[in-house]
Amino acid sequence: MLKALLRHKQTKAELQLLFNEFIPHLNGRVLIYQEIADSYPASAHIFKDYISKVEKMKATFTRIIEDFEEMNPDANPIHFDD
C-alpha cells in the first residue's frame, strides 16, 4: 500500500503531508502497546518488539523524506537505446 501511495507523490511537501497523517496513528499504536506491556509483564517482550518496529517505520519515513528527489514532470526520460 505504501508503495502505491509513494508512486503518486511528486514533491517532498506532498510526501511530508502524507507521512504526517500516519505518524499520529503510529504513536497511538505505541501507546496501546506500552499499556498492554505494562499490564501484562510476562508478554512485554512481544510488545517491545512491536514498538521497535513502529519506531523503525517512523525512522524510515524520515529517511524517505530526506532521500526524496523531486523530478520535473516535463523532463525527458532516459533513453537507453541511443
Protein backbone atom coordinates (compact mmCIF):
# COMPACT_ATOMS: atom_id res chain seq x y z
CA MET A 1 0.00 0.00 0.00
CA LEU A 2 2.81 2.40 0.88
CA LYS A 3 4.46 1.76 -2.47
CA ALA A 4 1.26 2.67 -4.31
CA LEU A 5 0.89 5.89 -2.32
CA LEU A 6 4.50 6.89 -2.90
CA ARG A 7 4.12 6.39 -6.62
CA HIS A 8 1.66 9.29 -6.82
CA LYS A 9 3.54 11.85 -4.73
CA GLN A 10 5.71 14.27 -6.69
CA THR A 11 7.09 16.69 -4.10
CA LYS A 12 8.61 16.49 -0.64
CA ALA A 13 5.77 18.63 0.68
CA GLU A 14 3.14 16.16 -0.54
CA LEU A 15 5.10 13.28 0.91
CA GLN A 16 5.54 15.07 4.25
CA LEU A 17 1.79 15.72 4.45
CA LEU A 18 1.11 12.04 3.81
CA PHE A 19 3.53 10.90 6.49
CA ASN A 20 2.17 13.50 8.90
CA GLU A 21 -1.18 11.68 8.65
CA PHE A 22 0.43 8.33 9.53
CA ILE A 23 2.52 9.47 12.50
CA PRO A 24 -0.36 10.11 14.98
CA HIS A 25 -1.78 6.65 14.23
CA LEU A 26 1.61 5.03 14.75
CA ASN A 27 2.08 6.95 18.01
CA GLY A 28 -1.33 5.70 19.12
CA ARG A 29 -0.23 2.15 18.44
CA VAL A 30 2.89 2.67 20.55
CA LEU A 31 0.77 3.94 23.46
CA ILE A 32 -1.51 0.90 23.21
CA TYR A 33 1.45 -1.49 23.10
CA GLN A 34 3.07 0.22 26.09
CA GLU A 35 -0.13 -0.01 28.10
CA ILE A 36 -0.52 -3.71 27.30
CA ALA A 37 3.15 -4.38 28.10
CA ASP A 38 2.75 -2.62 31.44
CA SER A 39 -0.44 -4.53 32.26
CA TYR A 40 0.94 -7.93 31.24
CA PRO A 41 4.66 -8.01 32.08
CA ALA A 42 5.05 -11.65 31.01
CA SER A 43 4.15 -10.64 27.44
CA ALA A 44 6.07 -7.36 27.48
CA HIS A 45 8.85 -8.67 25.23
CA ILE A 46 6.36 -9.21 22.40
CA PHE A 47 5.04 -5.67 22.60
CA LYS A 48 8.54 -4.23 22.93
CA ASP A 49 9.26 -5.80 19.52
CA TYR A 50 6.11 -4.20 18.09
CA ILE A 51 7.15 -0.82 19.49
CA SER A 52 10.58 -1.26 17.94
CA LYS A 53 9.01 -1.97 14.54
CA VAL A 54 6.85 1.14 14.74
CA GLU A 55 9.87 3.27 15.67
CA LYS A 56 11.81 1.81 12.72
CA MET A 57 8.91 2.64 10.40
CA LYS A 58 8.86 6.26 11.62
CA ALA A 59 12.63 6.44 11.04
CA THR A 60 12.09 5.04 7.55
CA PHE A 61 9.55 7.79 6.83
CA THR A 62 12.13 10.38 7.87
CA ARG A 63 14.80 8.76 5.68
CA ILE A 64 12.42 8.64 2.69
CA ILE A 65 11.72 12.37 3.07
CA GLU A 66 15.45 13.15 3.28
CA ASP A 67 16.31 10.99 0.25
CA PHE A 68 13.36 12.07 -1.90
CA GLU A 69 14.39 13.76 -5.13
CA GLU A 70 11.82 15.90 -6.82
CA MET A 71 11.58 15.34 -10.55
CA ASN A 72 10.34 17.75 -13.13
CA PRO A 73 7.29 16.15 -14.82
CA ASP A 74 8.38 17.71 -18.12
CA ALA A 75 11.84 16.14 -18.02
CA ASN A 76 12.81 13.80 -20.81
CA PRO A 77 13.16 10.18 -19.77
CA ILE A 78 16.49 8.44 -20.12
CA HIS A 79 16.89 6.68 -23.45
CA PHE A 80 18.97 3.54 -23.16
CA ASP A 81 18.68 2.71 -26.89
CA ASP A 82 20.94 5.57 -28.01
